[in-house]
Full PDB file with SEQRES, HELIX, SHEET, SSBOND, CRYST1, ORIGX, SCALE, CONECT and MASTER records, all heavy atoms in Angstrom:
SEQRES   1 A   43  VAL GLU LYS SER ALA GLY ILE GLY SER GLY PHE THR ASP          
SEQRES   2 A   43  GLU GLU TYR ALA ALA ALA GLY ALA ILE LEU LEU ASP ASN          
SEQRES   3 A   43  PRO ARG GLU LEU TYR LEU ARG ALA ASP MET VAL VAL LYS          
SEQRES   4 A   43  VAL LYS GLU PRO                                              
HELIX    1 AA1 ILE A    7  SER A    9  5                                   3    
HELIX    2 AA2 ASP A   13  ALA A   18  1                                   6    
HELIX    3 AA3 PRO A   27  ARG A   33  1                                   7    
CRYST1    1.000    1.000    1.000  90.00  90.00  90.00 P 1           1          
ORIGX1      1.000000  0.000000  0.000000        0.00000                         
ORIGX2      0.000000  1.000000  0.000000        0.00000                         
ORIGX3      0.000000  0.000000  1.000000        0.00000                         
SCALE1      1.000000  0.000000  0.000000        0.00000                         
SCALE2      0.000000  1.000000  0.000000        0.00000                         
SCALE3      0.000000  0.000000  1.000000        0.00000                         
ATOM      1  N   VAL A   1      91.689 101.876  96.291  1.00  0.00           N  
ATOM      2  CA  VAL A   1      90.408 101.822  96.957  1.00  0.00           C  
ATOM      3  C   VAL A   1      89.772 100.496  96.681  1.00  0.00           C  
ATOM      4  O   VAL A   1      89.676 100.081  95.500  1.00  0.00           O  
ATOM      5  CB  VAL A   1      89.488 103.003  96.528  1.00  0.00           C  
ATOM      6  CG1 VAL A   1      88.068 102.883  97.214  1.00  0.00           C  
ATOM      7  CG2 VAL A   1      90.104 104.345  96.868  1.00  0.00           C  
ATOM      8  N   GLU A   2      89.266  99.808  97.737  1.00  0.00           N  
ATOM      9  CA  GLU A   2      88.588  98.540  97.493  1.00  0.00           C  
ATOM     10  C   GLU A   2      87.245  98.824  96.831  1.00  0.00           C  
ATOM     11  O   GLU A   2      86.542  99.734  97.184  1.00  0.00           O  
ATOM     12  CB  GLU A   2      88.381  97.794  98.807  1.00  0.00           C  
ATOM     13  CG  GLU A   2      87.816  96.407  98.610  1.00  0.00           C  
ATOM     14  CD  GLU A   2      87.747  95.654  99.880  1.00  0.00           C  
ATOM     15  OE1 GLU A   2      88.339  96.073 100.901  1.00  0.00           O  
ATOM     16  OE2 GLU A   2      87.152  94.540  99.872  1.00  0.00           O  
ATOM     17  N   LYS A   3      86.907  98.017  95.822  1.00  0.00           N  
ATOM     18  CA  LYS A   3      85.688  98.172  95.092  1.00  0.00           C  
ATOM     19  C   LYS A   3      84.488  98.212  96.059  1.00  0.00           C  
ATOM     20  O   LYS A   3      84.434  97.342  96.997  1.00  0.00           O  
ATOM     21  CB  LYS A   3      85.480  97.103  94.037  1.00  0.00           C  
ATOM     22  CG  LYS A   3      86.436  97.261  92.831  1.00  0.00           C  
ATOM     23  CD  LYS A   3      86.194  96.227  91.758  1.00  0.00           C  
ATOM     24  CE  LYS A   3      87.121  96.435  90.606  1.00  0.00           C  
ATOM     25  NZ  LYS A   3      86.895  95.385  89.545  1.00  0.00           N  
ATOM     26  N   SER A   4      83.562  99.118  95.847  1.00  0.00           N  
ATOM     27  CA  SER A   4      82.309  99.334  96.610  1.00  0.00           C  
ATOM     28  C   SER A   4      82.591  99.821  97.996  1.00  0.00           C  
ATOM     29  O   SER A   4      81.645  99.853  98.828  1.00  0.00           O  
ATOM     30  CB  SER A   4      81.451  98.025  96.655  1.00  0.00           C  
ATOM     31  OG  SER A   4      81.972  97.087  97.530  1.00  0.00           O  
ATOM     32  N   ALA A   5      83.817 100.245  98.328  1.00  0.00           N  
ATOM     33  CA  ALA A   5      84.118 100.737  99.703  1.00  0.00           C  
ATOM     34  C   ALA A   5      83.242 101.953 100.054  1.00  0.00           C  
ATOM     35  O   ALA A   5      82.904 102.096 101.256  1.00  0.00           O  
ATOM     36  CB  ALA A   5      85.571 101.071  99.790  1.00  0.00           C  
ATOM     37  N   GLY A   6      82.923 102.776  99.061  1.00  0.00           N  
ATOM     38  CA  GLY A   6      82.205 103.987  99.361  1.00  0.00           C  
ATOM     39  C   GLY A   6      80.688 103.948  99.210  1.00  0.00           C  
ATOM     40  O   GLY A   6      80.043 104.984  99.432  1.00  0.00           O  
ATOM     41  N   ILE A   7      80.195 102.806  98.752  1.00  0.00           N  
ATOM     42  CA  ILE A   7      78.763 102.708  98.401  1.00  0.00           C  
ATOM     43  C   ILE A   7      77.851 103.096  99.554  1.00  0.00           C  
ATOM     44  O   ILE A   7      76.893 103.822  99.413  1.00  0.00           O  
ATOM     45  CB  ILE A   7      78.456 101.310  97.863  1.00  0.00           C  
ATOM     46  CG1 ILE A   7      79.214 101.009  96.573  1.00  0.00           C  
ATOM     47  CG2 ILE A   7      76.954 101.136  97.671  1.00  0.00           C  
ATOM     48  CD1 ILE A   7      78.909 101.924  95.468  1.00  0.00           C  
ATOM     49  N   GLY A   8      78.200 102.602 100.737  1.00  0.00           N  
ATOM     50  CA  GLY A   8      77.364 102.917 101.902  1.00  0.00           C  
ATOM     51  C   GLY A   8      77.272 104.347 102.259  1.00  0.00           C  
ATOM     52  O   GLY A   8      76.344 104.840 102.931  1.00  0.00           O  
ATOM     53  N   SER A   9      78.266 105.144 101.835  1.00  0.00           N  
ATOM     54  CA  SER A   9      78.320 106.581 102.086  1.00  0.00           C  
ATOM     55  C   SER A   9      77.881 107.389 100.820  1.00  0.00           C  
ATOM     56  O   SER A   9      77.961 108.600 100.893  1.00  0.00           O  
ATOM     57  CB  SER A   9      79.712 107.042 102.484  1.00  0.00           C  
ATOM     58  OG  SER A   9      80.084 106.476 103.709  1.00  0.00           O  
ATOM     59  N   GLY A  10      77.427 106.657  99.798  1.00  0.00           N  
ATOM     60  CA  GLY A  10      76.911 107.344  98.671  1.00  0.00           C  
ATOM     61  C   GLY A  10      77.964 107.706  97.628  1.00  0.00           C  
ATOM     62  O   GLY A  10      77.738 108.535  96.727  1.00  0.00           O  
ATOM     63  N   PHE A  11      79.163 107.069  97.684  1.00  0.00           N  
ATOM     64  CA  PHE A  11      80.211 107.316  96.715  1.00  0.00           C  
ATOM     65  C   PHE A  11      80.463 106.122  95.779  1.00  0.00           C  
ATOM     66  O   PHE A  11      80.601 104.992  96.295  1.00  0.00           O  
ATOM     67  CB  PHE A  11      81.555 107.643  97.381  1.00  0.00           C  
ATOM     68  CG  PHE A  11      81.461 108.801  98.330  1.00  0.00           C  
ATOM     69  CD1 PHE A  11      81.711 108.674  99.715  1.00  0.00           C  
ATOM     70  CD2 PHE A  11      81.130 110.105  97.904  1.00  0.00           C  
ATOM     71  CE1 PHE A  11      81.681 109.745 100.573  1.00  0.00           C  
ATOM     72  CE2 PHE A  11      81.000 111.167  98.777  1.00  0.00           C  
ATOM     73  CZ  PHE A  11      81.338 110.981 100.087  1.00  0.00           C  
ATOM     74  N   THR A  12      80.415 106.320  94.481  1.00  0.00           N  
ATOM     75  CA  THR A  12      80.523 105.221  93.536  1.00  0.00           C  
ATOM     76  C   THR A  12      81.981 104.963  93.226  1.00  0.00           C  
ATOM     77  O   THR A  12      82.864 105.812  93.393  1.00  0.00           O  
ATOM     78  CB  THR A  12      79.806 105.545  92.227  1.00  0.00           C  
ATOM     79  OG1 THR A  12      80.443 106.682  91.592  1.00  0.00           O  
ATOM     80  CG2 THR A  12      78.301 105.894  92.509  1.00  0.00           C  
ATOM     81  N   ASP A  13      82.222 103.763  92.743  1.00  0.00           N  
ATOM     82  CA  ASP A  13      83.605 103.403  92.256  1.00  0.00           C  
ATOM     83  C   ASP A  13      84.059 104.364  91.169  1.00  0.00           C  
ATOM     84  O   ASP A  13      85.227 104.761  91.095  1.00  0.00           O  
ATOM     85  CB  ASP A  13      83.622 101.986  91.772  1.00  0.00           C  
ATOM     86  CG  ASP A  13      83.490 100.922  92.849  1.00  0.00           C  
ATOM     87  OD1 ASP A  13      83.573 101.293  94.015  1.00  0.00           O  
ATOM     88  OD2 ASP A  13      83.264  99.749  92.480  1.00  0.00           O  
ATOM     89  N   GLU A  14      83.101 104.759  90.330  1.00  0.00           N  
ATOM     90  CA  GLU A  14      83.444 105.701  89.246  1.00  0.00           C  
ATOM     91  C   GLU A  14      83.969 107.038  89.797  1.00  0.00           C  
ATOM     92  O   GLU A  14      84.879 107.607  89.145  1.00  0.00           O  
ATOM     93  CB  GLU A  14      82.204 105.895  88.327  1.00  0.00           C  
ATOM     94  CG  GLU A  14      81.817 104.650  87.461  1.00  0.00           C  
ATOM     95  CD  GLU A  14      81.170 103.595  88.338  1.00  0.00           C  
ATOM     96  OE1 GLU A  14      80.674 103.889  89.452  1.00  0.00           O  
ATOM     97  OE2 GLU A  14      81.085 102.452  87.829  1.00  0.00           O  
ATOM     98  N   GLU A  15      83.433 107.471  90.846  1.00  0.00           N  
ATOM     99  CA  GLU A  15      83.862 108.735  91.430  1.00  0.00           C  
ATOM    100  C   GLU A  15      85.295 108.638  91.958  1.00  0.00           C  
ATOM    101  O   GLU A  15      86.119 109.573  91.781  1.00  0.00           O  
ATOM    102  CB  GLU A  15      82.970 109.183  92.614  1.00  0.00           C  
ATOM    103  CG  GLU A  15      81.558 109.665  92.171  1.00  0.00           C  
ATOM    104  CD  GLU A  15      80.693 110.049  93.323  1.00  0.00           C  
ATOM    105  OE1 GLU A  15      80.066 109.108  93.858  1.00  0.00           O  
ATOM    106  OE2 GLU A  15      80.663 111.223  93.720  1.00  0.00           O  
ATOM    107  N   TYR A  16      85.623 107.536  92.586  1.00  0.00           N  
ATOM    108  CA  TYR A  16      87.027 107.278  92.992  1.00  0.00           C  
ATOM    109  C   TYR A  16      87.983 107.174  91.811  1.00  0.00           C  
ATOM    110  O   TYR A  16      89.109 107.753  91.858  1.00  0.00           O  
ATOM    111  CB  TYR A  16      87.101 106.085  93.895  1.00  0.00           C  
ATOM    112  CG  TYR A  16      86.593 106.259  95.304  1.00  0.00           C  
ATOM    113  CD1 TYR A  16      85.389 105.805  95.696  1.00  0.00           C  
ATOM    114  CD2 TYR A  16      87.344 107.029  96.235  1.00  0.00           C  
ATOM    115  CE1 TYR A  16      84.884 106.052  96.996  1.00  0.00           C  
ATOM    116  CE2 TYR A  16      86.879 107.216  97.525  1.00  0.00           C  
ATOM    117  CZ  TYR A  16      85.637 106.740  97.904  1.00  0.00           C  
ATOM    118  OH  TYR A  16      85.185 106.989  99.139  1.00  0.00           O  
ATOM    119  N   ALA A  17      87.527 106.451  90.783  1.00  0.00           N  
ATOM    120  CA  ALA A  17      88.350 106.362  89.587  1.00  0.00           C  
ATOM    121  C   ALA A  17      88.653 107.729  88.956  1.00  0.00           C  
ATOM    122  O   ALA A  17      89.748 108.027  88.497  1.00  0.00           O  
ATOM    123  CB  ALA A  17      87.720 105.384  88.582  1.00  0.00           C  
ATOM    124  N   ALA A  18      87.603 108.553  88.910  1.00  0.00           N  
ATOM    125  CA  ALA A  18      87.723 109.885  88.329  1.00  0.00           C  
ATOM    126  C   ALA A  18      88.721 110.716  89.130  1.00  0.00           C  
ATOM    127  O   ALA A  18      89.291 111.697  88.669  1.00  0.00           O  
ATOM    128  CB  ALA A  18      86.336 110.556  88.244  1.00  0.00           C  
ATOM    129  N   ALA A  19      88.806 110.447  90.431  1.00  0.00           N  
ATOM    130  CA  ALA A  19      89.667 111.193  91.311  1.00  0.00           C  
ATOM    131  C   ALA A  19      91.161 110.662  91.254  1.00  0.00           C  
ATOM    132  O   ALA A  19      91.995 111.214  91.975  1.00  0.00           O  
ATOM    133  CB  ALA A  19      89.177 111.071  92.792  1.00  0.00           C  
ATOM    134  N   GLY A  20      91.341 109.658  90.462  1.00  0.00           N  
ATOM    135  CA  GLY A  20      92.683 109.149  90.258  1.00  0.00           C  
ATOM    136  C   GLY A  20      93.036 107.905  91.012  1.00  0.00           C  
ATOM    137  O   GLY A  20      94.164 107.424  91.015  1.00  0.00           O  
ATOM    138  N   ALA A  21      92.066 107.392  91.860  1.00  0.00           N  
ATOM    139  CA  ALA A  21      92.316 106.198  92.609  1.00  0.00           C  
ATOM    140  C   ALA A  21      92.237 104.976  91.717  1.00  0.00           C  
ATOM    141  O   ALA A  21      91.600 104.948  90.660  1.00  0.00           O  
ATOM    142  CB  ALA A  21      91.310 106.087  93.741  1.00  0.00           C  
ATOM    143  N   ILE A  22      92.935 103.880  92.199  1.00  0.00           N  
ATOM    144  CA  ILE A  22      92.958 102.609  91.475  1.00  0.00           C  
ATOM    145  C   ILE A  22      92.114 101.663  92.291  1.00  0.00           C  
ATOM    146  O   ILE A  22      92.284 101.498  93.511  1.00  0.00           O  
ATOM    147  CB  ILE A  22      94.380 102.039  91.355  1.00  0.00           C  
ATOM    148  CG1 ILE A  22      95.280 103.032  90.575  1.00  0.00           C  
ATOM    149  CG2 ILE A  22      94.396 100.679  90.697  1.00  0.00           C  
ATOM    150  CD1 ILE A  22      96.734 102.680  90.667  1.00  0.00           C  
ATOM    151  N   LEU A  23      91.107 101.007  91.635  1.00  0.00           N  
ATOM    152  CA  LEU A  23      90.151 100.132  92.284  1.00  0.00           C  
ATOM    153  C   LEU A  23      90.714  98.695  92.295  1.00  0.00           C  
ATOM    154  O   LEU A  23      91.186  98.218  91.298  1.00  0.00           O  
ATOM    155  CB  LEU A  23      88.798 100.204  91.579  1.00  0.00           C  
ATOM    156  CG  LEU A  23      88.149 101.589  91.738  1.00  0.00           C  
ATOM    157  CD1 LEU A  23      87.032 101.739  90.726  1.00  0.00           C  
ATOM    158  CD2 LEU A  23      87.606 101.782  93.114  1.00  0.00           C  
ATOM    159  N   LEU A  24      90.612  98.031  93.483  1.00  0.00           N  
ATOM    160  CA  LEU A  24      90.940  96.660  93.629  1.00  0.00           C  
ATOM    161  C   LEU A  24      89.827  95.963  94.284  1.00  0.00           C  
ATOM    162  O   LEU A  24      89.094  96.533  95.135  1.00  0.00           O  
ATOM    163  CB  LEU A  24      92.259  96.518  94.459  1.00  0.00           C  
ATOM    164  CG  LEU A  24      93.550  97.014  93.884  1.00  0.00           C  
ATOM    165  CD1 LEU A  24      94.670  96.892  94.955  1.00  0.00           C  
ATOM    166  CD2 LEU A  24      93.927  96.243  92.624  1.00  0.00           C  
ATOM    167  N   ASP A  25      89.629  94.663  93.991  1.00  0.00           N  
ATOM    168  CA  ASP A  25      88.555  93.905  94.596  1.00  0.00           C  
ATOM    169  C   ASP A  25      89.066  92.815  95.595  1.00  0.00           C  
ATOM    170  O   ASP A  25      88.269  92.100  96.151  1.00  0.00           O  
ATOM    171  CB  ASP A  25      87.657  93.279  93.561  1.00  0.00           C  
ATOM    172  CG  ASP A  25      88.356  92.339  92.620  1.00  0.00           C  
ATOM    173  OD1 ASP A  25      89.591  92.056  92.836  1.00  0.00           O  
ATOM    174  OD2 ASP A  25      87.734  91.879  91.613  1.00  0.00           O  
ATOM    175  N   ASN A  26      90.352  92.785  95.805  1.00  0.00           N  
ATOM    176  CA  ASN A  26      90.978  91.827  96.748  1.00  0.00           C  
ATOM    177  C   ASN A  26      91.555  92.539  97.947  1.00  0.00           C  
ATOM    178  O   ASN A  26      92.568  93.213  97.848  1.00  0.00           O  
ATOM    179  CB  ASN A  26      92.040  91.061  96.000  1.00  0.00           C  
ATOM    180  CG  ASN A  26      92.620  89.922  96.853  1.00  0.00           C  
ATOM    181  OD1 ASN A  26      92.700  90.044  98.049  1.00  0.00           O  
ATOM    182  ND2 ASN A  26      92.994  88.839  96.220  1.00  0.00           N  
ATOM    183  N   PRO A  27      90.889  92.433  99.160  1.00  0.00           N  
ATOM    184  CA  PRO A  27      91.439  93.191 100.297  1.00  0.00           C  
ATOM    185  C   PRO A  27      92.876  92.797 100.680  1.00  0.00           C  
ATOM    186  O   PRO A  27      93.648  93.636 101.083  1.00  0.00           O  
ATOM    187  CB  PRO A  27      90.409  92.886 101.382  1.00  0.00           C  
ATOM    188  CG  PRO A  27      89.725  91.636 100.931  1.00  0.00           C  
ATOM    189  CD  PRO A  27      89.733  91.699  99.446  1.00  0.00           C  
ATOM    190  N   ARG A  28      93.198  91.536 100.538  1.00  0.00           N  
ATOM    191  CA  ARG A  28      94.564  91.096 100.893  1.00  0.00           C  
ATOM    192  C   ARG A  28      95.549  91.816  99.996  1.00  0.00           C  
ATOM    193  O   ARG A  28      96.611  92.296 100.457  1.00  0.00           O  
ATOM    194  CB  ARG A  28      94.722  89.595 100.694  1.00  0.00           C  
ATOM    195  CG  ARG A  28      96.085  89.054 101.074  1.00  0.00           C  
ATOM    196  CD  ARG A  28      96.153  87.543 100.935  1.00  0.00           C  
ATOM    197  NE  ARG A  28      95.307  86.848 101.937  1.00  0.00           N  
ATOM    198  CZ  ARG A  28      95.630  86.623 103.177  1.00  0.00           C  
ATOM    199  NH1 ARG A  28      96.853  87.028 103.619  1.00  0.00           N  
ATOM    200  NH2 ARG A  28      94.818  85.992 103.994  1.00  0.00           N  
ATOM    201  N   GLU A  29      95.239  91.943  98.764  1.00  0.00           N  
ATOM    202  CA  GLU A  29      96.178  92.637  97.803  1.00  0.00           C  
ATOM    203  C   GLU A  29      96.248  94.130  98.176  1.00  0.00           C  
ATOM    204  O   GLU A  29      97.324  94.740  98.087  1.00  0.00           O  
ATOM    205  CB  GLU A  29      95.628  92.497  96.377  1.00  0.00           C  
ATOM    206  CG  GLU A  29      96.537  93.062  95.276  1.00  0.00           C  
ATOM    207  CD  GLU A  29      97.803  92.177  95.121  1.00  0.00           C  
ATOM    208  OE1 GLU A  29      97.790  91.056  95.549  1.00  0.00           O  
ATOM    209  OE2 GLU A  29      98.733  92.708  94.499  1.00  0.00           O  
ATOM    210  N   LEU A  30      95.148  94.674  98.629  1.00  0.00           N  
ATOM    211  CA  LEU A  30      95.137  96.069  99.034  1.00  0.00           C  
ATOM    212  C   LEU A  30      96.068  96.318 100.176  1.00  0.00           C  
ATOM    213  O   LEU A  30      96.859  97.254 100.184  1.00  0.00           O  
ATOM    214  CB  LEU A  30      93.675  96.411  99.475  1.00  0.00           C  
ATOM    215  CG  LEU A  30      93.203  97.839  99.407  1.00  0.00           C  
ATOM    216  CD1 LEU A  30      92.840  98.193  97.966  1.00  0.00           C  
ATOM    217  CD2 LEU A  30      91.981  98.045 100.326  1.00  0.00           C  
ATOM    218  N   TYR A  31      96.113  95.434 101.190  1.00  0.00           N  
ATOM    219  CA  TYR A  31      96.967  95.583 102.330  1.00  0.00           C  
ATOM    220  C   TYR A  31      98.408  95.274 101.872  1.00  0.00           C  
ATOM    221  O   TYR A  31      99.366  95.926 102.373  1.00  0.00           O  
ATOM    222  CB  TYR A  31      96.540  94.626 103.454  1.00  0.00           C  
ATOM    223  CG  TYR A  31      95.432  95.069 104.358  1.00  0.00           C  
ATOM    224  CD1 TYR A  31      94.104  95.012 103.913  1.00  0.00           C  
ATOM    225  CD2 TYR A  31      95.724  95.650 105.578  1.00  0.00           C  
ATOM    226  CE1 TYR A  31      93.070  95.453 104.788  1.00  0.00           C  
ATOM    227  CE2 TYR A  31      94.682  96.099 106.428  1.00  0.00           C  
ATOM    228  CZ  TYR A  31      93.401  95.995 105.964  1.00  0.00           C  
ATOM    229  OH  TYR A  31      92.349  96.433 106.818  1.00  0.00           O  
ATOM    230  N   LEU A  32      98.594  94.294 101.045  1.00  0.00           N  
ATOM    231  CA  LEU A  32      99.945  93.858 100.653  1.00  0.00           C  
ATOM    232  C   LEU A  32     100.719  94.990  99.937  1.00  0.00           C  
ATOM    233  O   LEU A  32     101.905  95.161 100.120  1.00  0.00           O  
ATOM    234  CB  LEU A  32      99.869  92.638  99.764  1.00  0.00           C  
ATOM    235  CG  LEU A  32     101.159  92.032  99.288  1.00  0.00           C  
ATOM    236  CD1 LEU A  32     101.969  91.511 100.476  1.00  0.00           C  
ATOM    237  CD2 LEU A  32     100.924  90.869  98.266  1.00  0.00           C  
ATOM    238  N   ARG A  33      99.975  95.741  99.117  1.00  0.00           N  
ATOM    239  CA  ARG A  33     100.608  96.798  98.324  1.00  0.00           C  
ATOM    240  C   ARG A  33     100.831  98.112  99.130  1.00  0.00           C  
ATOM    241  O   ARG A  33     101.685  98.932  98.775  1.00  0.00           O  
ATOM    242  CB  ARG A  33      99.765  97.150  97.118  1.00  0.00           C  
ATOM    243  CG  ARG A  33      99.585  96.008  96.135  1.00  0.00           C  
ATOM    244  CD  ARG A  33      98.906  96.513  94.878  1.00  0.00           C  
ATOM    245  NE  ARG A  33      98.624  95.422  93.905  1.00  0.00           N  
ATOM    246  CZ  ARG A  33      98.196  95.591  92.695  1.00  0.00           C  
ATOM    247  NH1 ARG A  33      98.015  96.858  92.255  1.00  0.00           N  
ATOM    248  NH2 ARG A  33      97.954  94.547  91.925  1.00  0.00           N  
ATOM    249  N   ALA A  34     100.162  98.250 100.285  1.00  0.00           N  
ATOM    250  CA  ALA A  34     100.152  99.563 100.927  1.00  0.00           C  
ATOM    251  C   ALA A  34     101.336  99.876 101.796  1.00  0.00           C  
ATOM    252  O   ALA A  34     101.855  98.966 102.524  1.00  0.00           O  
ATOM    253  CB  ALA A  34      98.858  99.648 101.808  1.00  0.00           C  
ATOM    254  N   ASP A  35     101.798 101.130 101.722  1.00  0.00           N  
ATOM    255  CA  ASP A  35     102.682 101.639 102.729  1.00  0.00           C  
ATOM    256  C   ASP A  35     101.867 102.092 103.951  1.00  0.00           C  
ATOM    257  O   ASP A  35     102.328 101.927 105.100  1.00  0.00           O  
ATOM    258  CB  ASP A  35     103.417 102.835 102.199  1.00  0.00           C  
ATOM    259  CG  ASP A  35     104.321 102.534 100.995  1.00  0.00           C  
ATOM    260  OD1 ASP A  35     105.123 101.529 101.104  1.00  0.00           O  
ATOM    261  OD2 ASP A  35     104.211 103.190  99.973  1.00  0.00           O  
ATOM    262  N   MET A  36     100.669 102.582 103.701  1.00  0.00           N  
ATOM    263  CA  MET A  36      99.780 103.055 104.752  1.00  0.00           C  
ATOM    264  C   MET A  36      98.306 102.647 104.425  1.00  0.00           C  
ATOM    265  O   MET A  36      97.861 102.824 103.300  1.00  0.00           O  
ATOM    266  CB  MET A  36      99.858 104.533 104.947  1.00  0.00           C  
ATOM    267  CG  MET A  36      98.898 105.099 105.998  1.00  0.00           C  
ATOM    268  SD  MET A  36      99.186 106.823 106.485  1.00  0.00           S  
ATOM    269  CE  MET A  36      98.987 107.692 104.892  1.00  0.00           C  
ATOM    270  N   VAL A  37      97.658 102.055 105.414  1.00  0.00           N  
ATOM    271  CA  VAL A  37      96.273 101.717 105.318  1.00  0.00           C  
ATOM    272  C   VAL A  37      95.479 102.682 106.172  1.00  0.00           C  
ATOM    273  O   VAL A  37      95.786 102.876 107.337  1.00  0.00           O  
ATOM    274  CB  VAL A  37      95.993 100.253 105.777  1.00  0.00           C  
ATOM    275  CG1 VAL A  37      94.455  99.960 105.806  1.00  0.00           C  
ATOM    276  CG2 VAL A  37      96.693  99.249 104.840  1.00  0.00           C  
ATOM    277  N   VAL A  38      94.497 103.352 105.549  1.00  0.00           N  
ATOM    278  CA  VAL A  38      93.677 104.280 106.235  1.00  0.00           C  
ATOM    279  C   VAL A  38      92.274 103.702 106.318  1.00  0.00           C  
ATOM    280  O   VAL A  38      91.663 103.407 105.308  1.00  0.00           O  
ATOM    281  CB  VAL A  38      93.697 105.670 105.512  1.00  0.00           C  
ATOM    282  CG1 VAL A  38      92.769 106.616 106.248  1.00  0.00           C  
ATOM    283  CG2 VAL A  38      95.047 106.195 105.317  1.00  0.00           C  
ATOM    284  N   LYS A  39      91.825 103.512 107.562  1.00  0.00           N  
ATOM    285  CA  LYS A  39      90.522 102.889 107.794  1.00  0.00           C  
ATOM    286  C   LYS A  39      89.632 103.823 108.649  1.00  0.00           C  
ATOM    287  O   LYS A  39      90.046 104.894 109.044  1.00  0.00           O  
ATOM    288  CB  LYS A  39      90.667 101.558 108.488  1.00  0.00           C  
ATOM    289  CG  LYS A  39      91.262 100.396 107.658  1.00  0.00           C  
ATOM    290  CD  LYS A  39      91.331  99.110 108.474  1.00  0.00           C  
ATOM    291  CE  LYS A  39      90.048  98.289 108.375  1.00  0.00           C  
ATOM    292  NZ  LYS A  39      88.924  98.703 109.233  1.00  0.00           N  
ATOM    293  N   VAL A  40      88.439 103.320 108.920  1.00  0.00           N  
ATOM    294  CA  VAL A  40      87.580 103.960 109.863  1.00  0.00           C  
ATOM    295  C   VAL A  40      87.588 103.186 111.185  1.00  0.00           C  
ATOM    296  O   VAL A  40      87.928 103.803 112.195  1.00  0.00           O  
ATOM    297  CB  VAL A  40      86.088 104.039 109.364  1.00  0.00           C  
ATOM    298  CG1 VAL A  40      85.180 104.677 110.430  1.00  0.00           C  
ATOM    299  CG2 VAL A  40      86.013 104.751 108.053  1.00  0.00           C  
ATOM    300  N   LYS A  41      87.340 101.923 111.164  1.00  0.00           N  
ATOM    301  CA  LYS A  41      87.286 101.157 112.399  1.00  0.00           C  
ATOM    302  C   LYS A  41      88.474 100.237 112.493  1.00  0.00           C  
ATOM    303  O   LYS A  41      89.135  99.939 111.525  1.00  0.00           O  
ATOM    304  CB  LYS A  41      85.990 100.352 112.440  1.00  0.00           C  
ATOM    305  CG  LYS A  41      84.704 101.185 112.626  1.00  0.00           C  
ATOM    306  CD  LYS A  41      84.724 102.016 113.900  1.00  0.00           C  
ATOM    307  CE  LYS A  41      84.540 101.118 115.123  1.00  0.00           C  
ATOM    308  NZ  LYS A  41      84.636 101.949 116.401  1.00  0.00           N  
ATOM    309  N   GLU A  42      88.701  99.736 113.677  1.00  0.00           N  
ATOM    310  CA  GLU A  42      89.803  98.793 113.980  1.00  0.00           C  
ATOM    311  C   GLU A  42      89.637  97.521 113.147  1.00  0.00           C  
ATOM    312  O   GLU A  42      88.546  97.156 112.808  1.00  0.00           O  
ATOM    313  CB  GLU A  42      89.859  98.460 115.411  1.00  0.00           C  
ATOM    314  CG  GLU A  42      88.696  97.555 115.960  1.00  0.00           C  
ATOM    315  CD  GLU A  42      87.391  98.250 116.160  1.00  0.00           C  
ATOM    316  OE1 GLU A  42      87.322  99.467 116.072  1.00  0.00           O  
ATOM    317  OE2 GLU A  42      86.361  97.490 116.406  1.00  0.00           O  
ATOM    318  N   PRO A  43      90.790  96.926 112.798  1.00  0.00           N  
ATOM    319  CA  PRO A  43      90.694  95.635 112.049  1.00  0.00           C  
ATOM    320  C   PRO A  43      90.008  94.571 112.871  1.00  0.00           C  
ATOM    321  O   PRO A  43      90.170  94.513 114.110  1.00  0.00           O  
ATOM    322  CB  PRO A  43      92.225  95.255 111.814  1.00  0.00           C  
ATOM    323  CG  PRO A  43      92.946  96.550 111.949  1.00  0.00           C  
ATOM    324  CD  PRO A  43      92.166  97.363 112.909  1.00  0.00           C  
TER     325      PRO A  43                                                      
MASTER        0    0    0    3    0    0    0    6  324    1    0    4          
END                                                                             
């Protein structure tokens, strides 16, 4: 999960970490590592 991705919806980075997600702050790295990218809006 990209850092601060959920802030606008009221979800903190800490909540994602507690759920077992790994936080990254580099979007390119996020895409590079992914088998699947799940978004809301089109790139």
